[in-house]
């Protein structure tokens, strides 16, 4: 296959992971890889390896059309603009429009599980709207509905371990946290595969856990007891704000727990292994590998 593969957000953690897997795991020639980013200076190391580096501004469709020129298969990594005022959806729509103008043959996108209307996650509409824009574009697509990263637990676990209390409103809802690098490996394999059918994959870890089960695993690994304290969504939001989480972001964090409690993210799939050929890292393996960092 001689397709040219483009990855947006290539200086972010997921985008860079995809590029690294294209180069190192899949041995894609660097001259066939375009790494696009707002700040090309951040990708000097990739440029030195022969990867084509392009500047791409998601707020400027003309800039994206220029960045996408000559690319056959494009991975749009969702941007970090979580402002709940529609900015991120507009950015993604710009990218889809640019892909059409550039004559891209296949469009890949990183979404989230179950983003349809009714999702408690406050930014789910960004992902659902982007999926709809991709489908309306007429370009064959692959959508990756990425589950929550194991790395997201760094936001809550260090404080829970230090205090001995984990405050949540997730009740007995389950999440199959997955390793970001496992997802990057699966996405890179799909990007390089040349597959032309329109498909949607949900990427998860190998097992779904409740908050109480995660706390027990953490205690087993670190020796630190954690009491799970179940709160209402309102109490959790107020507690997050009191702990210093910005007022506009605290409800977003709470909406993750609401989503978990509703059962909308409890699924387990084998998509990571089927795409990448490797077994995904378990949550216990993640905790063991990050024991020191989690314990502060």
Protein backbone atom coordinates (compact mmCIF):
# COMPACT_ATOMS: atom_id res chain seq x y z
CA UNK A 1 0.00 0.00 0.00
CA UNK A 2 1.30 3.45 -0.87
CA UNK A 3 -1.35 5.67 0.74
CA UNK A 4 -0.17 8.86 2.40
CA UNK A 5 -1.36 8.89 6.02
CA UNK A 6 -2.04 12.12 7.93
CA UNK A 7 -2.51 12.47 11.69
CA UNK A 8 -3.84 15.69 13.22
CA UNK A 9 -2.97 16.66 16.78
CA UNK A 10 0.36 14.93 16.28
CA UNK A 11 2.01 16.77 19.16
CA UNK A 12 -0.68 15.57 21.59
CA UNK A 13 -0.36 12.31 23.50
CA UNK A 14 -2.74 10.20 21.41
CA UNK A 15 -1.72 11.68 18.05
CA UNK A 16 1.97 11.28 18.78
CA UNK A 17 1.34 7.70 19.93
CA UNK A 18 -0.36 6.92 16.62
CA UNK A 19 2.57 8.37 14.63
CA UNK A 20 5.08 6.43 16.74
CA UNK A 21 3.19 3.18 16.09
CA UNK A 22 3.05 3.91 12.36
CA UNK A 23 6.83 4.34 12.35
CA UNK A 24 8.06 1.84 14.91
CA UNK A 25 5.41 -0.91 15.10
CA UNK A 26 4.07 -0.93 11.55
CA UNK A 27 7.28 0.25 9.81
CA UNK A 28 5.43 2.73 7.57
CA UNK A 29 8.06 4.73 5.62
CA UNK A 30 8.28 8.21 7.19
CA UNK A 31 7.87 9.89 3.78
CA UNK A 32 4.31 8.47 3.70
CA UNK A 33 3.37 10.03 7.04
CA UNK A 34 2.18 13.61 7.51
CA UNK A 35 2.09 14.85 11.10
CA UNK A 36 -0.12 17.92 11.42
CA UNK A 37 -0.14 20.23 14.42
CA UNK A 38 -0.81 23.81 15.42
CA UNK A 39 2.84 24.15 16.51
CA UNK A 40 5.22 22.40 14.05
CA UNK A 41 8.25 23.28 16.21
CA UNK A 42 7.03 20.64 18.68
CA UNK A 43 7.64 17.90 16.10
CA UNK A 44 11.29 18.54 15.24
CA UNK A 45 12.19 15.00 16.33
CA UNK A 46 9.70 13.50 13.86
CA UNK A 47 10.92 15.84 11.12
CA UNK A 48 14.46 14.57 11.74
CA UNK A 49 13.17 11.02 11.12
CA UNK A 50 11.78 12.04 7.74
CA UNK A 51 8.12 12.54 8.66
CA UNK A 52 6.41 15.39 6.76
CA UNK A 53 5.37 18.10 9.22
CA UNK A 54 2.53 20.51 8.42
CA UNK A 55 0.90 23.34 10.31
CA UNK A 56 -2.87 22.88 10.77
CA UNK A 57 -5.20 25.33 12.49
CA UNK A 58 -8.67 23.89 13.18
CA UNK A 59 -10.09 27.41 13.37
CA UNK A 60 -9.06 28.07 9.75
CA UNK A 61 -10.53 25.80 7.05
CA UNK A 62 -8.14 27.17 4.39
CA UNK A 63 -5.18 26.20 6.58
CA UNK A 64 -6.61 22.68 6.92
CA UNK A 65 -7.18 22.29 3.18
CA UNK A 66 -3.53 23.20 2.62
CA UNK A 67 -2.39 20.79 5.34
CA UNK A 68 -4.49 17.94 3.95
CA UNK A 69 -3.30 18.23 0.33
CA UNK A 70 -1.96 14.94 -1.01
CA UNK A 71 -3.15 12.91 1.99
CA UNK A 72 -5.16 9.78 1.20
CA UNK A 73 -6.21 8.71 4.70
CA UNK A 74 -6.64 11.29 7.46
CA UNK A 75 -7.04 10.72 11.19
CA UNK A 76 -8.80 13.61 12.91
CA UNK A 77 -7.89 13.45 16.59
CA UNK A 78 -10.59 15.38 18.46
CA UNK A 79 -9.31 18.73 19.72
CA UNK A 80 -9.02 19.75 23.35
CA UNK A 81 -11.48 22.66 23.10
CA UNK A 82 -14.04 21.64 25.74
CA UNK A 83 -15.83 24.95 26.27
CA UNK A 84 -19.46 23.74 25.80
CA UNK A 85 -20.13 26.66 23.42
CA UNK A 86 -19.77 24.68 20.21
CA UNK A 87 -16.20 25.68 19.38
CA UNK A 88 -14.88 22.13 19.19
CA UNK A 89 -17.72 20.93 16.97
CA UNK A 90 -17.09 23.87 14.64
CA UNK A 91 -13.38 22.97 14.51
CA UNK A 92 -14.21 19.37 13.62
CA UNK A 93 -16.71 20.48 10.97
CA UNK A 94 -13.95 22.65 9.49
CA UNK A 95 -11.70 19.58 9.29
CA UNK A 96 -14.38 17.46 7.61
CA UNK A 97 -15.06 20.22 5.08
CA UNK A 98 -11.34 20.55 4.41
CA UNK A 99 -11.04 16.79 3.89
CA UNK A 100 -13.77 16.94 1.25
CA UNK A 101 -12.06 19.84 -0.50
CA UNK A 102 -8.71 18.05 -0.39
CA UNK A 103 -10.18 14.89 -1.97
CA UNK A 104 -9.33 12.60 0.94
CA UNK A 105 -10.27 8.95 0.30
CA UNK A 106 -10.86 7.83 3.91
CA UNK A 107 -11.54 9.79 7.10
CA UNK A 108 -10.87 8.45 10.59
CA UNK A 109 -12.01 10.16 13.80
CA UNK A 110 -11.61 9.69 17.57
CA UNK A 111 -15.03 9.92 19.24
CA UNK A 112 -16.44 8.57 22.53
CA UNK A 113 -18.77 5.67 23.42
CA UNK A 114 -22.50 6.31 23.04
CA UNK A 115 -22.34 10.04 22.20
CA UNK A 116 -25.91 10.11 20.90
CA UNK A 117 -28.47 12.64 22.24
CA UNK A 118 -29.34 11.73 25.80
CA UNK A 119 -25.73 11.17 26.88
CA UNK A 120 -25.08 12.71 30.31
CA UNK A 121 -21.52 13.68 29.24
CA UNK A 122 -21.75 17.41 28.70
CA UNK A 123 -19.50 17.46 25.62
CA UNK A 124 -20.97 14.34 23.97
CA UNK A 125 -22.72 16.55 21.42
CA UNK A 126 -19.33 17.58 20.01
CA UNK A 127 -18.60 13.96 19.13
CA UNK A 128 -22.08 13.09 17.93
CA UNK A 129 -22.20 16.19 15.74
CA UNK A 130 -18.81 15.35 14.26
CA UNK A 131 -19.86 11.78 13.52
CA UNK A 132 -22.94 13.12 11.72
CA UNK A 133 -20.83 15.60 9.71
CA UNK A 134 -18.47 12.80 8.67
CA UNK A 135 -21.35 10.58 7.56
CA UNK A 136 -22.93 13.48 5.64
CA UNK A 137 -19.63 14.21 3.85
CA UNK A 138 -19.85 11.08 1.73
CA UNK A 139 -16.24 10.18 2.54
CA UNK A 140 -15.75 6.54 3.65
CA UNK A 141 -14.94 6.63 7.36
CA UNK A 142 -13.70 4.80 10.42
CA UNK A 143 -14.94 6.13 13.75
CA UNK A 144 -13.15 5.11 16.94
CA UNK A 145 -15.33 5.51 20.01
CA UNK A 146 -12.51 5.62 22.53
CA UNK A 147 -13.40 4.57 26.06
CA UNK A 148 -11.95 6.36 29.07
CA UNK A 149 -8.16 6.16 29.38
CA UNK A 150 -6.53 4.43 32.31
CA UNK A 151 -4.38 7.56 32.48
CA UNK A 152 -7.51 9.59 33.35
CA UNK A 153 -7.33 7.97 36.78
CA UNK A 154 -4.37 10.24 37.56
CA UNK A 155 -7.01 12.97 38.00
CA UNK A 156 -8.67 11.25 40.96
CA UNK A 157 -6.54 8.44 42.36
CA UNK A 158 -3.57 10.36 43.88
CA UNK A 159 -5.96 12.43 46.01
CA UNK A 160 -8.03 9.36 46.91
CA UNK A 161 -4.91 7.43 47.93
CA UNK A 162 -3.56 10.36 49.97
CA UNK A 163 -6.85 11.12 51.74
CA UNK A 164 -8.20 7.57 51.98
CA UNK A 165 -11.52 8.70 50.48
CA UNK A 166 -12.77 8.52 46.89
CA UNK A 167 -15.80 10.72 46.29
CA UNK A 168 -18.00 9.68 43.37
CA UNK A 169 -21.57 9.64 42.10
CA UNK A 170 -20.98 6.64 39.80
CA UNK A 171 -22.72 4.16 42.16
CA UNK A 172 -22.31 0.61 40.76
CA UNK A 173 -21.74 1.68 37.17
CA UNK A 174 -18.82 0.09 35.36
CA UNK A 175 -16.01 1.38 33.14
CA UNK A 176 -13.50 -0.65 31.12
CA UNK A 177 -10.62 1.84 31.26
CA UNK A 178 -8.14 1.26 28.43
CA UNK A 179 -4.50 2.24 28.00
CA UNK A 180 -3.99 5.24 25.73
CA UNK A 181 -1.10 3.47 24.02
CA UNK A 182 -3.25 0.41 23.30
CA UNK A 183 -5.81 2.67 21.64
CA UNK A 184 -3.06 4.44 19.69
CA UNK A 185 -1.77 1.07 18.45
CA UNK A 186 -5.26 0.01 17.29
CA UNK A 187 -5.91 3.34 15.57
CA UNK A 188 -2.51 3.29 13.83
CA UNK A 189 -3.15 -0.25 12.55
CA UNK A 190 -6.51 0.80 11.13
CA UNK A 191 -5.08 3.97 9.59
CA UNK A 192 -2.35 1.95 7.85
CA UNK A 193 -4.61 -0.94 6.86
CA UNK A 194 -6.02 0.51 3.66
CA UNK A 195 -9.51 -0.67 4.70
CA UNK A 196 -12.16 1.15 2.68
CA UNK A 197 -15.45 0.15 4.35
CA UNK A 198 -17.19 2.62 6.65
CA UNK A 199 -16.98 1.21 10.19
CA UNK A 200 -17.37 2.24 13.82
CA UNK A 201 -15.27 0.63 16.59
CA UNK A 202 -15.61 1.07 20.35
CA UNK A 203 -12.18 0.79 22.00
CA UNK A 204 -12.10 -0.36 25.62
CA UNK A 205 -9.90 -2.09 28.13
CA UNK A 206 -10.29 -5.84 28.74
CA UNK A 207 -12.51 -5.68 31.85
CA UNK A 208 -15.12 -3.30 33.29
CA UNK A 209 -14.92 -2.32 36.96
CA UNK A 210 -17.02 -0.38 39.46
CA UNK A 211 -15.39 2.41 41.46
CA UNK A 212 -15.39 0.10 44.50
CA UNK A 213 -13.60 -2.61 42.52
CA UNK A 214 -11.02 -0.12 41.26
CA UNK A 215 -10.47 1.10 44.82
CA UNK A 216 -9.91 -2.50 45.96
CA UNK A 217 -7.37 -3.02 43.16
CA UNK A 218 -5.58 0.18 44.18
CA UNK A 219 -5.44 -0.97 47.78
CA UNK A 220 -4.12 -4.36 46.69
CA UNK A 221 -1.34 -2.71 44.64
CA UNK A 222 -0.39 0.18 46.95
CA UNK A 223 -1.36 -1.14 50.38
CA UNK A 224 -3.34 2.08 50.97
CA UNK A 225 -6.98 1.62 52.04
CA UNK A 226 -9.55 3.74 50.18
CA UNK A 227 -13.14 4.28 51.30
CA UNK A 228 -15.52 4.96 48.39
CA UNK A 229 -17.99 7.71 49.32
CA UNK A 230 -21.09 7.85 47.11
CA UNK A 231 -22.56 11.34 46.66
CA UNK A 232 -25.31 12.94 44.63
CA UNK A 233 -24.24 14.64 41.41
CA UNK A 234 -24.92 18.03 43.01
CA UNK A 235 -22.83 17.27 46.09
CA UNK A 236 -19.99 15.92 43.97
CA UNK A 237 -19.97 19.06 41.82
CA UNK A 238 -19.86 21.31 44.88
CA UNK A 239 -17.09 19.19 46.40
CA UNK A 240 -15.03 19.39 43.22
CA UNK A 241 -15.37 23.18 43.17
CA UNK A 242 -14.39 23.35 46.85
CA UNK A 243 -11.32 21.24 46.02
CA UNK A 244 -10.23 23.78 43.39
CA UNK A 245 -11.67 22.35 40.17
CA UNK A 246 -12.70 25.35 38.02
CA UNK A 247 -16.41 26.17 38.26
CA UNK A 248 -17.00 25.58 34.56
CA UNK A 249 -15.18 22.24 34.52
CA UNK A 250 -16.58 20.66 37.70
CA UNK A 251 -19.98 19.82 36.12
CA UNK A 252 -18.15 18.17 33.20
CA UNK A 253 -16.22 15.93 35.61
CA UNK A 254 -19.45 15.04 37.42
CA UNK A 255 -21.12 14.20 34.10
CA UNK A 256 -18.55 11.41 33.64
CA UNK A 257 -19.82 9.78 36.85
CA UNK A 258 -23.44 10.32 35.80
CA UNK A 259 -22.60 8.59 32.52
CA UNK A 260 -20.96 5.68 34.35
CA UNK A 261 -23.91 5.30 36.70
CA UNK A 262 -26.29 5.20 33.73
CA UNK A 263 -24.49 2.17 32.28
CA UNK A 264 -23.54 3.90 29.03
CA UNK A 265 -19.80 3.17 29.28
CA UNK A 266 -19.77 -0.31 30.81
CA UNK A 267 -19.17 -2.17 27.54
CA UNK A 268 -16.11 -4.37 26.86
CA UNK A 269 -15.00 -5.02 23.29
CA UNK A 270 -12.13 -6.88 21.64
CA UNK A 271 -11.56 -4.11 19.07
CA UNK A 272 -8.10 -3.18 20.34
CA UNK A 273 -6.80 -6.73 20.02
CA UNK A 274 -8.56 -7.40 16.72
CA UNK A 275 -7.11 -4.24 15.15
CA UNK A 276 -3.63 -4.19 16.68
CA UNK A 277 -3.00 -7.88 17.29
CA UNK A 278 -1.92 -7.21 20.86
CA UNK A 279 -3.64 -7.93 24.15
CA UNK A 280 -4.69 -4.71 25.90
CA UNK A 281 -3.18 -3.80 29.25
CA UNK A 282 -5.35 -4.64 32.25
CA UNK A 283 -6.19 -2.06 34.88
CA UNK A 284 -4.13 -3.94 37.47
CA UNK A 285 -1.11 -3.89 35.15
CA UNK A 286 -1.56 -0.13 34.74
CA UNK A 287 -1.76 0.38 38.50
CA UNK A 288 1.33 -1.75 39.11
CA UNK A 289 3.31 0.07 36.43
CA UNK A 290 2.32 3.48 37.89
CA UNK A 291 2.36 2.60 41.58
CA UNK A 292 4.94 5.24 42.56
CA UNK A 293 3.31 8.06 40.57
CA UNK A 294 -0.15 7.27 41.90
CA UNK A 295 1.06 7.21 45.50
CA UNK A 296 2.70 10.62 45.01
